[in-house]
Structure formats: C-alpha cells, structure tokens
Amino acid sequence: QSLSVSEVVDNEFDLIINFPADQYVPPGSYSIGLTVKEVSPQEAGISSLVAVSKNIEVIVYSYDKYIQASLYAPNINQGRNITFQLGVQSMGYPDIEEVYARINLFNSTRAKLGSVETERKPLPGLGSLSFTPFYDTQLFPSGNYYAEALVFYDGKYKTANTTFLIGIMDLILNNYTSTLNQGFNDFEVMVTNGWGNGLR
C-alpha cells in the first residue's frame, strides 16, 4: 500500500491510503504515524515552529471467515485455581457458525500438564466473544507456566498463548553486594517476589 497527501486548502488536507488490487493485506489493525509541521518563515530572526503528531489506526476486514484471538492468565498463589480470559474477535464479514477453544497447560520445561475446553458459541461477522474457563491448579507447585489456546472456527483455527506464575510467599535472592569496606557503605540487594500478590 502507498500513502499520499492532497493539496492543503484552508488548512485542511486529505491523507489517502491506496491498497493495490494485486497485493494482499492480511486482516488486522495497522497504525500510521502522521506528523504535521509548520512551515519555517522566510524572514530572518528568532521564531518558533509548531508540530502536531497523530496516530491513525486502520482496521482491515476480510470477506472470508477470519478471527484474532488473545489469551490472558493472571499470576496466582499456590493452592488457587487459574481462570483464563480468552478473547475472540471476528475480522471478517461472514457469520461464523461455531467457535470454541482448547487451552493446553505446560510447565516451564514445556511438559504438558493438562487441557481444558471451552463451550461452543456462534460468532456474528465483525463481532466478538469472550471465554473464561478455569483449571484446577490447587496442587500445582510454584513456578512459571505456559498456556496455549487452539481456537477452532468452522474448519479453521488460530493460536494464542500466555505465561503465568504460581507463587509462594517467598523472596528469591538474586544478587547482593558481596564486599564491604570500612566506613559507610551502600549495601544493595536484588530480590524477586515469588508471591502472586504484592508484598508490604
């Protein structure tokens, strides 16, 4: 695609975005940064110039069935269950008859621990859906975990993934000042909060 700007008339102009017919632009959201600067005066001397920047979002839709998916999982404390937040956005004009997802859970070494499947729902064209399945993680040890969602829709699928922490009430000592000299010294300690909540 190419950009062009029309002639400025009464301090207004058009930003024209051309999508060539022989180039495929995948559906999705695109950002375009536009900056307008004041023309420098011709007279000699000290002057100030004004510049304005604007971020423009361009959303490209499809005439076919097409979705975007996002997966989120909060950090939790040991002994709690995890609730996922899966969002599905239709980026096409046709209605989708059925959407569902299978979320697989993995530990930090990518060993599969289990999976959970969502309910099945229809999705209107350009519409959106959300799923909030939960998984029993009460007996999971503390550590970092990885989740991947396979989102199926009318014979196609998309993937989305996220990471989350199962924490314990513990501080992990990462680094500290190893030597101290006589007199006043700065003693620095770097720690990581292993608990899912903030510590006070």
C-alpha atoms as a PDB file:
ATOM      1  CA  GLN A   1       0.000   0.000   0.000  1.00  0.00           C
ATOM      2  CA  SER A   2       1.092   3.602  -0.536  1.00  0.00           C
ATOM      3  CA  LEU A   3       0.328   6.917   1.136  1.00  0.00           C
ATOM      4  CA  SER A   4      -0.261  10.291  -0.436  1.00  0.00           C
ATOM      5  CA  VAL A   5      -1.398  13.703   0.778  1.00  0.00           C
ATOM      6  CA  SER A   6      -3.703  16.041  -1.089  1.00  0.00           C
ATOM      7  CA  GLU A   7      -3.098  19.771  -1.524  1.00  0.00           C
ATOM      8  CA  VAL A   8      -3.651  21.871   1.594  1.00  0.00           C
ATOM      9  CA  VAL A   9      -6.779  24.040   1.233  1.00  0.00           C
ATOM     10  CA  ASP A  10      -7.999  26.250   4.112  1.00  0.00           C
ATOM     11  CA  ASN A  11      -5.567  24.497   6.444  1.00  0.00           C
ATOM     12  CA  GLU A  12      -7.083  21.094   5.621  1.00  0.00           C
ATOM     13  CA  PHE A  13      -5.827  18.143   3.586  1.00  0.00           C
ATOM     14  CA  ASP A  14      -6.679  14.501   2.921  1.00  0.00           C
ATOM     15  CA  LEU A  15      -4.455  11.541   3.741  1.00  0.00           C
ATOM     16  CA  ILE A  16      -5.031   8.939   1.030  1.00  0.00           C
ATOM     17  CA  ILE A  17      -4.188   5.263   1.574  1.00  0.00           C
ATOM     18  CA  ASN A  18      -4.019   3.177  -1.586  1.00  0.00           C
ATOM     19  CA  PHE A  19      -4.393  -0.604  -1.403  1.00  0.00           C
ATOM     20  CA  PRO A  20      -3.199  -2.061  -4.730  1.00  0.00           C
ATOM     21  CA  ALA A  21      -5.501  -4.747  -6.104  1.00  0.00           C
ATOM     22  CA  ASP A  22      -2.573  -7.098  -6.786  1.00  0.00           C
ATOM     23  CA  GLN A  23      -1.306  -7.051  -3.170  1.00  0.00           C
ATOM     24  CA  TYR A  24      -2.852  -8.976  -0.281  1.00  0.00           C
ATOM     25  CA  VAL A  25      -3.162  -7.111   3.011  1.00  0.00           C
ATOM     26  CA  PRO A  26      -3.871  -9.511   5.899  1.00  0.00           C
ATOM     27  CA  PRO A  27      -6.850  -8.593   8.088  1.00  0.00           C
ATOM     28  CA  GLY A  28      -5.917  -6.808  11.287  1.00  0.00           C
ATOM     29  CA  SER A  29      -5.196  -3.464  12.894  1.00  0.00           C
ATOM     30  CA  TYR A  30      -2.453  -1.208  11.496  1.00  0.00           C
ATOM     31  CA  SER A  31      -1.052   2.052  12.851  1.00  0.00           C
ATOM     32  CA  ILE A  32       0.090   5.029  10.776  1.00  0.00           C
ATOM     33  CA  GLY A  33       2.004   7.913  12.321  1.00  0.00           C
ATOM     34  CA  LEU A  34       1.314  11.346  10.818  1.00  0.00           C
ATOM     35  CA  THR A  35       3.264  14.496  11.753  1.00  0.00           C
ATOM     36  CA  VAL A  36       2.348  17.986  10.511  1.00  0.00           C
ATOM     37  CA  LYS A  37       4.952  20.743  10.880  1.00  0.00           C
ATOM     38  CA  GLU A  38       4.572  24.466  10.482  1.00  0.00           C
ATOM     39  CA  VAL A  39       6.489  25.945   7.544  1.00  0.00           C
ATOM     40  CA  SER A  40       9.524  27.937   8.618  1.00  0.00           C
ATOM     41  CA  PRO A  41       9.132  31.700   7.949  1.00  0.00           C
ATOM     42  CA  GLN A  42      11.397  33.256   5.349  1.00  0.00           C
ATOM     43  CA  GLU A  43      12.256  36.303   7.473  1.00  0.00           C
ATOM     44  CA  ALA A  44      15.494  36.252   9.434  1.00  0.00           C
ATOM     45  CA  GLY A  45      15.310  36.209  13.199  1.00  0.00           C
ATOM     46  CA  ILE A  46      14.211  34.004  16.066  1.00  0.00           C
ATOM     47  CA  SER A  47      10.941  32.138  15.626  1.00  0.00           C
ATOM     48  CA  SER A  48       9.173  29.050  16.950  1.00  0.00           C
ATOM     49  CA  LEU A  49       7.581  26.299  14.904  1.00  0.00           C
ATOM     50  CA  VAL A  50       4.614  24.119  15.816  1.00  0.00           C
ATOM     51  CA  ALA A  51       4.429  20.393  15.061  1.00  0.00           C
ATOM     52  CA  VAL A  52       1.462  18.081  15.705  1.00  0.00           C
ATOM     53  CA  SER A  53       1.608  14.287  15.591  1.00  0.00           C
ATOM     54  CA  LYS A  54      -1.338  11.939  15.254  1.00  0.00           C
ATOM     55  CA  ASN A  55      -1.527   8.153  15.356  1.00  0.00           C
ATOM     56  CA  ILE A  56      -4.109   6.743  12.940  1.00  0.00           C
ATOM     57  CA  GLU A  57      -5.489   3.222  13.294  1.00  0.00           C
ATOM     58  CA  VAL A  58      -6.558   1.434  10.111  1.00  0.00           C
ATOM     59  CA  ILE A  59      -8.562  -1.784  10.508  1.00  0.00           C
ATOM     60  CA  VAL A  60      -8.619  -4.172   7.549  1.00  0.00           C
ATOM     61  CA  TYR A  61     -11.508  -6.659   7.408  1.00  0.00           C
ATOM     62  CA  SER A  62     -11.888  -9.790   5.294  1.00  0.00           C
ATOM     63  CA  TYR A  63     -14.658 -11.114   3.067  1.00  0.00           C
ATOM     64  CA  ASP A  64     -13.743 -14.583   4.373  1.00  0.00           C
ATOM     65  CA  LYS A  65     -14.101 -16.013   7.867  1.00  0.00           C
ATOM     66  CA  TYR A  66     -11.126 -14.760   9.886  1.00  0.00           C
ATOM     67  CA  ILE A  67     -10.512 -14.199  13.595  1.00  0.00           C
ATOM     68  CA  GLN A  68      -7.978 -12.759  16.004  1.00  0.00           C
ATOM     69  CA  ALA A  69      -7.543 -14.326  19.438  1.00  0.00           C
ATOM     70  CA  SER A  70      -5.896 -13.214  22.680  1.00  0.00           C
ATOM     71  CA  LEU A  71      -5.238 -15.230  25.842  1.00  0.00           C
ATOM     72  CA  TYR A  72      -4.549 -13.896  29.340  1.00  0.00           C
ATOM     73  CA  ALA A  73      -3.893 -15.641  32.655  1.00  0.00           C
ATOM     74  CA  PRO A  74      -3.235 -13.778  35.931  1.00  0.00           C
ATOM     75  CA  ASN A  75      -0.481 -14.685  38.356  1.00  0.00           C
ATOM     76  CA  ILE A  76      -1.954 -16.686  41.228  1.00  0.00           C
ATOM     77  CA  ASN A  77      -0.822 -18.006  44.588  1.00  0.00           C
ATOM     78  CA  GLN A  78      -0.193 -21.651  45.323  1.00  0.00           C
ATOM     79  CA  GLY A  79      -3.372 -23.520  46.238  1.00  0.00           C
ATOM     80  CA  ARG A  80      -5.618 -21.463  43.927  1.00  0.00           C
ATOM     81  CA  ASN A  81      -7.321 -22.268  40.622  1.00  0.00           C
ATOM     82  CA  ILE A  82      -6.433 -20.427  37.413  1.00  0.00           C
ATOM     83  CA  THR A  83      -9.100 -18.626  35.367  1.00  0.00           C
ATOM     84  CA  PHE A  84      -8.197 -17.837  31.764  1.00  0.00           C
ATOM     85  CA  GLN A  85      -9.526 -14.914  29.758  1.00  0.00           C
ATOM     86  CA  LEU A  86      -9.793 -15.739  26.073  1.00  0.00           C
ATOM     87  CA  GLY A  87     -10.997 -13.068  23.655  1.00  0.00           C
ATOM     88  CA  VAL A  88     -12.035 -13.796  20.061  1.00  0.00           C
ATOM     89  CA  GLN A  89     -12.647 -11.030  17.523  1.00  0.00           C
ATOM     90  CA  SER A  90     -14.134 -11.690  14.083  1.00  0.00           C
ATOM     91  CA  MET A  91     -12.200  -9.817  11.394  1.00  0.00           C
ATOM     92  CA  GLY A  92     -14.460 -10.977   8.558  1.00  0.00           C
ATOM     93  CA  TYR A  93     -17.920 -10.071   7.306  1.00  0.00           C
ATOM     94  CA  PRO A  94     -19.407 -13.627   7.221  1.00  0.00           C
ATOM     95  CA  ASP A  95     -21.001 -15.108  10.326  1.00  0.00           C
ATOM     96  CA  ILE A  96     -19.125 -17.975  11.979  1.00  0.00           C
ATOM     97  CA  GLU A  97     -21.321 -20.895  12.982  1.00  0.00           C
ATOM     98  CA  GLU A  98     -19.214 -22.227  15.837  1.00  0.00           C
ATOM     99  CA  VAL A  99     -16.208 -21.082  17.856  1.00  0.00           C
ATOM    100  CA  TYR A 100     -14.554 -22.995  20.687  1.00  0.00           C
ATOM    101  CA  ALA A 101     -11.083 -23.396  22.131  1.00  0.00           C
ATOM    102  CA  ARG A 102      -8.856 -25.970  23.770  1.00  0.00           C
ATOM    103  CA  ILE A 103      -6.340 -24.500  26.213  1.00  0.00           C
ATOM    104  CA  ASN A 104      -3.285 -26.638  26.939  1.00  0.00           C
ATOM    105  CA  LEU A 105      -1.161 -26.078  30.059  1.00  0.00           C
ATOM    106  CA  PHE A 106       2.594 -26.647  30.222  1.00  0.00           C
ATOM    107  CA  ASN A 107       5.243 -26.271  32.899  1.00  0.00           C
ATOM    108  CA  SER A 108       8.486 -24.339  32.459  1.00  0.00           C
ATOM    109  CA  THR A 109      10.083 -27.249  30.531  1.00  0.00           C
ATOM    110  CA  ARG A 110       7.086 -27.336  28.136  1.00  0.00           C
ATOM    111  CA  ALA A 111       5.823 -30.665  29.517  1.00  0.00           C
ATOM    112  CA  LYS A 112       2.057 -30.836  29.010  1.00  0.00           C
ATOM    113  CA  LEU A 113       0.104 -30.905  32.266  1.00  0.00           C
ATOM    114  CA  GLY A 114      -3.472 -30.944  31.026  1.00  0.00           C
ATOM    115  CA  SER A 115      -6.067 -29.106  28.982  1.00  0.00           C
ATOM    116  CA  VAL A 116      -9.484 -27.507  29.270  1.00  0.00           C
ATOM    117  CA  GLU A 117     -12.071 -26.943  26.537  1.00  0.00           C
ATOM    118  CA  THR A 118     -14.475 -24.019  26.331  1.00  0.00           C
ATOM    119  CA  GLU A 119     -18.122 -24.044  25.433  1.00  0.00           C
ATOM    120  CA  ARG A 120     -19.124 -23.634  21.787  1.00  0.00           C
ATOM    121  CA  LYS A 121     -20.686 -20.405  20.559  1.00  0.00           C
ATOM    122  CA  PRO A 122     -21.671 -18.767  17.252  1.00  0.00           C
ATOM    123  CA  LEU A 123     -19.883 -15.566  16.279  1.00  0.00           C
ATOM    124  CA  PRO A 124     -21.527 -12.887  14.099  1.00  0.00           C
ATOM    125  CA  GLY A 125     -19.454 -11.197  11.421  1.00  0.00           C
ATOM    126  CA  LEU A 126     -17.226  -8.462  12.928  1.00  0.00           C
ATOM    127  CA  GLY A 127     -18.481  -9.491  16.382  1.00  0.00           C
ATOM    128  CA  SER A 128     -16.530 -10.568  19.454  1.00  0.00           C
ATOM    129  CA  LEU A 129     -16.712 -13.262  22.116  1.00  0.00           C
ATOM    130  CA  SER A 130     -15.062 -13.930  25.461  1.00  0.00           C
ATOM    131  CA  PHE A 131     -14.491 -17.186  27.308  1.00  0.00           C
ATOM    132  CA  THR A 132     -13.433 -17.580  30.965  1.00  0.00           C
ATOM    133  CA  PRO A 133     -12.620 -21.266  31.532  1.00  0.00           C
ATOM    134  CA  PHE A 134     -10.854 -22.301  34.723  1.00  0.00           C
ATOM    135  CA  TYR A 135      -8.469 -25.137  35.504  1.00  0.00           C
ATOM    136  CA  ASP A 136      -7.810 -26.851  38.827  1.00  0.00           C
ATOM    137  CA  THR A 137      -4.250 -25.843  39.738  1.00  0.00           C
ATOM    138  CA  GLN A 138      -4.551 -26.157  43.523  1.00  0.00           C
ATOM    139  CA  LEU A 139      -1.947 -28.954  43.676  1.00  0.00           C
ATOM    140  CA  PHE A 140       0.459 -27.369  41.195  1.00  0.00           C
ATOM    141  CA  PRO A 141       3.860 -26.426  42.656  1.00  0.00           C
ATOM    142  CA  SER A 142       5.087 -22.860  42.485  1.00  0.00           C
ATOM    143  CA  GLY A 143       6.821 -21.864  39.280  1.00  0.00           C
ATOM    144  CA  ASN A 144       6.359 -20.426  35.793  1.00  0.00           C
ATOM    145  CA  TYR A 145       3.744 -21.895  33.491  1.00  0.00           C
ATOM    146  CA  TYR A 146       2.791 -21.581  29.829  1.00  0.00           C
ATOM    147  CA  ALA A 147      -0.663 -21.862  28.260  1.00  0.00           C
ATOM    148  CA  GLU A 148      -1.580 -22.187  24.587  1.00  0.00           C
ATOM    149  CA  ALA A 149      -5.098 -21.856  23.192  1.00  0.00           C
ATOM    150  CA  LEU A 150      -6.167 -23.524  19.954  1.00  0.00           C
ATOM    151  CA  VAL A 151      -9.223 -21.585  18.790  1.00  0.00           C
ATOM    152  CA  PHE A 152     -11.309 -23.532  16.268  1.00  0.00           C
ATOM    153  CA  TYR A 153     -13.841 -21.870  13.966  1.00  0.00           C
ATOM    154  CA  ASP A 154     -15.675 -23.550  11.068  1.00  0.00           C
ATOM    155  CA  GLY A 155     -12.834 -25.822   9.986  1.00  0.00           C
ATOM    156  CA  LYS A 156     -10.022 -23.321  10.688  1.00  0.00           C
ATOM    157  CA  TYR A 157      -8.034 -22.479  13.802  1.00  0.00           C
ATOM    158  CA  LYS A 158      -5.876 -19.793  15.375  1.00  0.00           C
ATOM    159  CA  THR A 159      -3.439 -19.971  18.286  1.00  0.00           C
ATOM    160  CA  ALA A 160      -2.848 -17.645  21.231  1.00  0.00           C
ATOM    161  CA  ASN A 161      -0.531 -18.085  24.198  1.00  0.00           C
ATOM    162  CA  THR A 162       0.414 -16.569  27.524  1.00  0.00           C
ATOM    163  CA  THR A 163       2.532 -17.220  30.602  1.00  0.00           C
ATOM    164  CA  PHE A 164       1.669 -17.016  34.287  1.00  0.00           C
ATOM    165  CA  LEU A 165       3.231 -17.558  37.683  1.00  0.00           C
ATOM    166  CA  ILE A 166       2.076 -19.739  40.550  1.00  0.00           C
ATOM    167  CA  GLY A 167       3.759 -18.141  43.539  1.00  0.00           C
ATOM    168  CA  ILE A 168       4.588 -18.875  47.141  1.00  0.00           C
ATOM    169  CA  MET A 169       5.141 -16.354  49.936  1.00  0.00           C
ATOM    170  CA  ASP A 170       8.868 -16.152  49.462  1.00  0.00           C
ATOM    171  CA  LEU A 171      11.569 -13.728  48.383  1.00  0.00           C
ATOM    172  CA  ILE A 172      14.172 -15.014  45.948  1.00  0.00           C
ATOM    173  CA  LEU A 173      17.634 -13.514  46.480  1.00  0.00           C
ATOM    174  CA  ASN A 174      19.129 -12.795  43.067  1.00  0.00           C
ATOM    175  CA  ASN A 175      22.171 -10.675  43.860  1.00  0.00           C
ATOM    176  CA  TYR A 176      23.742  -8.629  46.654  1.00  0.00           C
ATOM    177  CA  THR A 177      26.833  -6.573  47.482  1.00  0.00           C
ATOM    178  CA  SER A 178      29.498  -9.160  48.248  1.00  0.00           C
ATOM    179  CA  THR A 179      32.203  -6.931  49.773  1.00  0.00           C
ATOM    180  CA  LEU A 180      32.073  -4.109  52.312  1.00  0.00           C
ATOM    181  CA  ASN A 181      34.820  -1.648  53.118  1.00  0.00           C
ATOM    182  CA  GLN A 182      35.418   0.138  56.397  1.00  0.00           C
ATOM    183  CA  GLY A 183      33.262   3.194  56.949  1.00  0.00           C
ATOM    184  CA  PHE A 184      29.935   3.945  55.337  1.00  0.00           C
ATOM    185  CA  ASN A 185      28.918   1.610  52.501  1.00  0.00           C
ATOM    186  CA  ASP A 186      25.980   1.057  50.211  1.00  0.00           C
ATOM    187  CA  PHE A 187      24.642  -2.465  50.603  1.00  0.00           C
ATOM    188  CA  GLU A 188      22.448  -3.436  47.637  1.00  0.00           C
ATOM    189  CA  VAL A 189      20.190  -6.471  47.442  1.00  0.00           C
ATOM    190  CA  MET A 190      18.200  -7.587  44.391  1.00  0.00           C
ATOM    191  CA  VAL A 191      15.242  -9.859  45.139  1.00  0.00           C
ATOM    192  CA  THR A 192      12.288 -11.317  43.230  1.00  0.00           C
ATOM    193  CA  ASN A 193       8.830 -11.562  44.759  1.00  0.00           C
ATOM    194  CA  GLY A 194       7.751 -15.192  44.458  1.00  0.00           C
ATOM    195  CA  TRP A 195       4.242 -14.417  45.721  1.00  0.00           C
ATOM    196  CA  GLY A 196       1.389 -13.712  43.338  1.00  0.00           C
ATOM    197  CA  ASN A 197       0.426 -10.588  45.318  1.00  0.00           C
ATOM    198  CA  GLY A 198       2.435  -7.543  46.235  1.00  0.00           C
ATOM    199  CA  LEU A 199       4.381  -7.654  49.491  1.00  0.00           C
ATOM    200  CA  ARG A 200       4.192  -4.827  52.044  1.00  0.00           C
END
